[in-house]
Amino acid sequence: MSNTEGISSCCLSGHLHQGTPKGKFGPLGNTGLDAYVTGEESNKSKTVIFIPDIFGVKLPNAQLLADEYAEQGKFYVIAPDLANDDWIDHGLLKSIAPQKSDPEPGMVEKAAGTAKVGAALGPWLVRHREGVTKPLVEKVLEHVRADSATGKIGAVGFCWGGRYAILLGQGDKPVDAVVANHPSFATDDEIAGVTVPTQINVGDADAMMSVDQAKKAKEALAGKSFKAEVNIIPDAVHGFAVRGDQNNDKEKKDKDTAAENTIKFFSANL
């Protein structure tokens, strides 16, 4: 899949999660970026860079999930505000396209949703294209590496952020392990190009990464000399790892499965 192909309303669907984040939001050193940071300072030996989806790091879901990683995995988690607070409006989480637990929208509502996708997502992707975002991701990595307390580094990304996690798993100085949850816009070559332990979690009902694409990713990673896996979650849609309805048993289970997969993978490879 190309970096812009397949944009759909599923990117703008989901539910806000309830809870009180435990971390802190503020300036990230001299990077010029803010970040949500959570976890004990003593856990910097396993630091995780958390790259969000298009709704950003101020979304309660992202902060609560970062807290979960920090607490359950004993990681130090840094979630940078890569868009400088220019994220897709949280109000579009449910209004565009529903998760499976929501009522099926009518034809008029679907048409309106398609229009909103073009108005909201297209311009945002242009503003935060690779040429703008990748240098910021690299700056965050440099900041993390400059901390003498930092040990091994993992990168986890979601949807839009999943591709940048994958990109951090290649090159001359990659991170030590990568997890991409329902990645968007990552090409076959980019997935095949990782050089560190890599995990992909994707649903078989994901409109951004089809089952065929997931199988290709699994084939591309199968011959690697390091641990690599693609977990296909039955009947899970795009965004399930961070945007599912936590009052719906199936969607909560899928989210929990992705979180457990991520924590176990980083625990074993960092």
Protein backbone atom coordinates (compact mmCIF):
# COMPACT_ATOMS: atom_id res chain seq x y z
CA MET A 1 0.00 0.00 0.00
CA SER A 2 1.28 3.49 -0.81
CA ASN A 3 1.64 6.16 1.85
CA THR A 4 -1.59 7.89 0.83
CA GLU A 5 -3.65 5.09 -0.63
CA GLY A 6 -6.70 3.74 1.16
CA ILE A 7 -7.68 6.74 3.30
CA SER A 8 -11.08 5.88 4.74
CA SER A 9 -13.49 6.95 7.45
CA CYS A 10 -12.34 4.07 9.65
CA CYS A 11 -9.39 6.28 10.59
CA LEU A 12 -11.79 8.67 12.28
CA SER A 13 -13.85 6.18 14.25
CA GLY A 14 -13.75 5.12 17.86
CA HIS A 15 -14.62 5.85 21.47
CA LEU A 16 -13.12 7.99 24.23
CA HIS A 17 -11.91 5.94 27.19
CA GLN A 18 -12.55 6.82 30.80
CA GLY A 19 -9.89 7.19 33.49
CA THR A 20 -7.36 9.57 35.00
CA PRO A 21 -3.92 9.58 33.34
CA LYS A 22 -1.01 9.16 35.77
CA GLY A 23 1.78 10.74 33.73
CA LYS A 24 2.77 14.32 33.00
CA PHE A 25 2.49 16.45 29.88
CA GLY A 26 5.12 19.09 29.22
CA PRO A 27 8.27 20.11 27.30
CA LEU A 28 10.52 17.29 26.11
CA GLY A 29 14.02 18.55 26.77
CA ASN A 30 15.37 20.79 23.99
CA THR A 31 13.43 19.07 21.20
CA GLY A 32 10.95 21.94 20.87
CA LEU A 33 8.16 19.41 21.37
CA ASP A 34 5.87 18.61 24.26
CA ALA A 35 5.27 15.02 25.33
CA TYR A 36 3.21 12.86 27.65
CA VAL A 37 5.68 11.00 29.88
CA THR A 38 4.75 8.17 32.23
CA GLY A 39 6.58 5.55 34.27
CA GLU A 40 9.26 5.46 36.91
CA GLU A 41 12.61 7.12 36.18
CA SER A 42 14.24 3.88 37.33
CA ASN A 43 12.65 2.09 34.37
CA LYS A 44 14.57 4.03 31.71
CA SER A 45 16.56 0.86 31.01
CA LYS A 46 13.50 -0.05 28.94
CA THR A 47 12.25 3.15 27.33
CA VAL A 48 9.34 3.09 24.89
CA ILE A 49 8.60 5.84 22.36
CA PHE A 50 4.83 5.90 21.90
CA ILE A 51 3.76 7.32 18.50
CA PRO A 52 0.01 8.01 18.47
CA ASP A 53 -2.64 7.89 15.80
CA ILE A 54 -4.09 11.00 14.18
CA PHE A 55 -5.97 11.97 17.36
CA GLY A 56 -2.72 12.60 19.18
CA VAL A 57 -1.21 12.27 22.61
CA LYS A 58 -3.82 14.36 24.42
CA LEU A 59 -6.47 11.77 23.65
CA PRO A 60 -7.27 10.09 27.00
CA ASN A 61 -7.06 6.70 25.27
CA ALA A 62 -3.43 7.28 24.32
CA GLN A 63 -2.39 8.49 27.77
CA LEU A 64 -4.20 5.70 29.59
CA LEU A 65 -2.65 3.10 27.30
CA ALA A 66 0.82 4.61 27.80
CA ASP A 67 0.17 4.36 31.56
CA GLU A 68 -0.78 0.71 31.14
CA TYR A 69 2.45 -0.05 29.30
CA ALA A 70 4.49 1.76 31.94
CA GLU A 71 2.80 0.04 34.87
CA GLN A 72 2.38 -3.49 33.50
CA GLY A 73 5.65 -3.65 31.56
CA LYS A 74 7.76 -1.55 33.92
CA PHE A 75 8.71 0.71 31.01
CA TYR A 76 9.46 4.42 30.84
CA VAL A 77 7.10 5.72 28.14
CA ILE A 78 7.45 8.93 26.12
CA ALA A 79 4.56 9.97 23.85
CA PRO A 80 5.67 13.05 21.85
CA ASP A 81 3.27 15.67 20.52
CA LEU A 82 4.60 15.34 16.97
CA ALA A 83 1.87 17.54 15.49
CA ASN A 84 2.33 20.41 17.98
CA ASP A 85 -1.29 20.09 19.12
CA ASP A 86 -2.58 20.07 15.53
CA TRP A 87 -4.36 16.71 15.75
CA ILE A 88 -7.68 15.56 14.33
CA ASP A 89 -10.57 16.76 16.52
CA HIS A 90 -11.57 14.20 19.13
CA GLY A 91 -15.18 15.06 18.34
CA LEU A 92 -14.86 13.07 15.13
CA LEU A 93 -14.15 9.82 16.97
CA LYS A 94 -17.72 8.56 16.62
CA SER A 95 -19.39 10.97 14.23
CA ILE A 96 -17.66 9.77 11.05
CA ALA A 97 -17.70 5.97 11.00
CA PRO A 98 -18.77 3.70 13.86
CA GLN A 99 -17.01 0.80 15.47
CA LYS A 100 -18.83 -2.52 15.24
CA SER A 101 -20.63 -1.86 18.51
CA ASP A 102 -22.31 1.25 17.07
CA PRO A 103 -25.51 1.31 14.98
CA GLU A 104 -24.97 1.10 11.22
CA PRO A 105 -25.21 4.62 9.73
CA GLY A 106 -27.64 5.37 6.95
CA MET A 107 -26.64 6.28 3.40
CA VAL A 108 -26.91 10.01 3.99
CA GLU A 109 -24.79 9.77 7.13
CA LYS A 110 -22.20 7.68 5.28
CA ALA A 111 -22.03 10.26 2.49
CA ALA A 112 -21.60 13.05 5.02
CA GLY A 113 -18.89 11.00 6.72
CA THR A 114 -16.98 10.64 3.47
CA ALA A 115 -17.06 14.40 2.99
CA LYS A 116 -15.81 14.98 6.53
CA VAL A 117 -12.96 12.55 5.98
CA GLY A 118 -11.77 14.53 2.96
CA ALA A 119 -12.09 17.83 4.79
CA ALA A 120 -10.36 16.70 7.97
CA LEU A 121 -7.90 13.98 7.10
CA GLY A 122 -6.54 14.93 3.69
CA PRO A 123 -5.21 18.38 4.63
CA TRP A 124 -3.91 17.03 7.94
CA LEU A 125 -1.85 14.36 6.18
CA VAL A 126 -0.38 17.03 3.91
CA ARG A 127 0.57 19.25 6.87
CA HIS A 128 2.13 16.29 8.67
CA ARG A 129 3.68 14.49 5.74
CA GLU A 130 6.83 12.40 6.11
CA GLY A 131 9.16 15.29 5.31
CA VAL A 132 7.74 17.18 8.30
CA THR A 133 7.16 14.35 10.75
CA LYS A 134 10.11 12.01 10.28
CA PRO A 135 12.72 14.60 11.36
CA LEU A 136 10.69 15.21 14.52
CA VAL A 137 10.54 11.48 15.25
CA GLU A 138 14.31 11.28 14.79
CA LYS A 139 14.79 14.28 17.08
CA VAL A 140 12.80 12.51 19.79
CA LEU A 141 14.96 9.40 19.38
CA GLU A 142 18.12 11.52 19.66
CA HIS A 143 16.76 13.07 22.86
CA VAL A 144 16.04 9.66 24.36
CA ARG A 145 19.48 8.32 23.43
CA ALA A 146 21.19 11.37 24.94
CA ASP A 147 19.87 10.47 28.40
CA SER A 148 22.60 8.50 30.12
CA ALA A 149 19.98 6.51 32.05
CA THR A 150 18.42 5.16 28.86
CA GLY A 151 19.04 1.52 28.10
CA LYS A 152 17.23 -0.27 25.32
CA ILE A 153 14.61 1.61 23.30
CA GLY A 154 11.36 0.37 21.80
CA ALA A 155 8.95 2.17 19.48
CA VAL A 156 5.23 1.48 19.40
CA GLY A 157 2.92 3.18 16.93
CA PHE A 158 -0.77 3.21 16.13
CA CYS A 159 -2.39 3.67 12.71
CA TRP A 160 -0.54 6.72 11.26
CA GLY A 161 2.04 6.35 14.01
CA GLY A 162 2.50 2.66 13.26
CA ARG A 163 4.40 3.45 10.08
CA TYR A 164 6.83 5.71 11.93
CA ALA A 165 7.47 2.97 14.48
CA ILE A 166 8.33 0.66 11.58
CA LEU A 167 10.67 3.28 10.09
CA LEU A 168 12.48 3.51 13.45
CA GLY A 169 13.22 -0.20 13.11
CA GLN A 170 15.54 0.29 10.14
CA GLY A 171 18.51 2.39 9.08
CA ASP A 172 21.98 2.77 10.57
CA LYS A 173 20.88 3.26 14.18
CA PRO A 174 17.48 1.63 14.68
CA VAL A 175 15.67 1.25 17.96
CA ASP A 176 15.93 -2.14 19.66
CA ALA A 177 12.37 -3.37 19.02
CA VAL A 178 9.23 -2.22 17.22
CA VAL A 179 5.49 -2.79 17.63
CA ALA A 180 3.00 -1.47 15.08
CA ASN A 181 -0.67 -1.69 16.00
CA HIS A 182 -2.93 -1.58 12.91
CA PRO A 183 -0.39 0.48 10.92
CA SER A 184 -1.56 2.76 8.12
CA PHE A 185 0.31 3.65 4.93
CA ALA A 186 3.33 1.37 5.58
CA THR A 187 4.55 -0.16 2.31
CA ASP A 188 5.54 -3.80 1.85
CA ASP A 189 9.16 -2.71 1.36
CA GLU A 190 9.14 -0.69 4.57
CA ILE A 191 7.87 -3.64 6.57
CA ALA A 192 10.40 -5.95 4.93
CA GLY A 193 13.16 -3.45 5.70
CA VAL A 194 13.06 -3.70 9.50
CA THR A 195 16.23 -5.00 11.10
CA VAL A 196 15.12 -5.42 14.73
CA PRO A 197 12.50 -7.54 16.53
CA THR A 198 9.12 -6.48 15.14
CA GLN A 199 5.51 -7.19 16.01
CA ILE A 200 2.42 -6.14 14.05
CA ASN A 201 -1.08 -6.42 15.53
CA VAL A 202 -3.90 -6.00 13.02
CA GLY A 203 -7.55 -6.98 12.75
CA ASP A 204 -8.92 -9.12 9.93
CA ALA A 205 -11.60 -6.45 9.37
CA ASP A 206 -9.11 -3.59 9.08
CA ALA A 207 -9.89 -1.36 6.11
CA MET A 208 -6.38 0.14 6.10
CA MET A 209 -4.39 -3.11 6.17
CA SER A 210 -6.21 -6.01 4.55
CA VAL A 211 -5.77 -9.65 5.51
CA ASP A 212 -3.83 -10.17 2.27
CA GLN A 213 -1.50 -7.31 3.20
CA ALA A 214 -1.10 -8.72 6.71
CA LYS A 215 -0.20 -12.10 5.23
CA LYS A 216 2.37 -10.44 2.94
CA ALA A 217 3.85 -8.73 5.98
CA LYS A 218 4.03 -12.07 7.77
CA GLU A 219 5.80 -13.61 4.79
CA ALA A 220 8.25 -10.69 4.57
CA LEU A 221 9.15 -11.08 8.24
CA ALA A 222 9.21 -14.87 8.30
CA GLY A 223 12.81 -15.26 7.17
CA LYS A 224 14.33 -12.71 9.54
CA SER A 225 17.09 -13.72 11.94
CA PHE A 226 15.34 -11.90 14.79
CA LYS A 227 11.95 -12.31 16.44
CA ALA A 228 9.18 -11.05 14.17
CA GLU A 229 5.46 -11.75 14.21
CA VAL A 230 2.17 -10.60 12.75
CA ASN A 231 -0.86 -11.21 14.95
CA ILE A 232 -4.20 -11.11 13.13
CA ILE A 233 -7.10 -10.46 15.52
CA PRO A 234 -10.42 -12.00 14.38
CA ASP A 235 -13.23 -9.56 13.60
CA ALA A 236 -11.25 -6.52 14.81
CA VAL A 237 -11.47 -3.25 12.90
CA HIS A 238 -8.97 -0.45 12.35
CA GLY A 239 -8.09 1.34 15.58
CA PHE A 240 -9.07 -1.53 17.87
CA ALA A 241 -5.89 -1.29 19.98
CA VAL A 242 -6.63 2.25 21.12
CA ARG A 243 -10.17 3.28 20.10
CA GLY A 244 -12.52 0.36 20.82
CA ASP A 245 -15.56 0.71 23.08
CA GLN A 246 -14.40 -0.49 26.51
CA ASN A 247 -18.03 -1.13 27.50
CA ASN A 248 -18.24 -3.72 24.72
CA ASP A 249 -16.82 -7.09 25.79
CA LYS A 250 -15.40 -8.00 22.36
CA GLU A 251 -13.80 -4.61 21.71
CA LYS A 252 -12.34 -4.48 25.21
CA LYS A 253 -10.91 -7.98 24.78
CA ASP A 254 -9.32 -7.00 21.45
CA LYS A 255 -7.77 -3.88 22.96
CA ASP A 256 -6.48 -5.90 25.91
CA THR A 257 -5.04 -8.53 23.58
CA ALA A 258 -3.07 -5.91 21.65
CA ALA A 259 -1.81 -4.37 24.89
CA GLU A 260 -0.75 -7.75 26.27
CA ASN A 261 0.97 -8.62 22.99
CA THR A 262 2.85 -5.32 23.02
CA ILE A 263 3.94 -5.56 26.65
CA LYS A 264 5.08 -9.16 26.33
CA PHE A 265 6.99 -8.41 23.14
CA PHE A 266 8.86 -5.45 24.59
CA SER A 267 9.50 -7.32 27.84
CA ALA A 268 11.17 -10.11 25.85
CA ASN A 269 13.09 -7.91 23.41
CA LEU A 270 14.19 -4.85 25.36
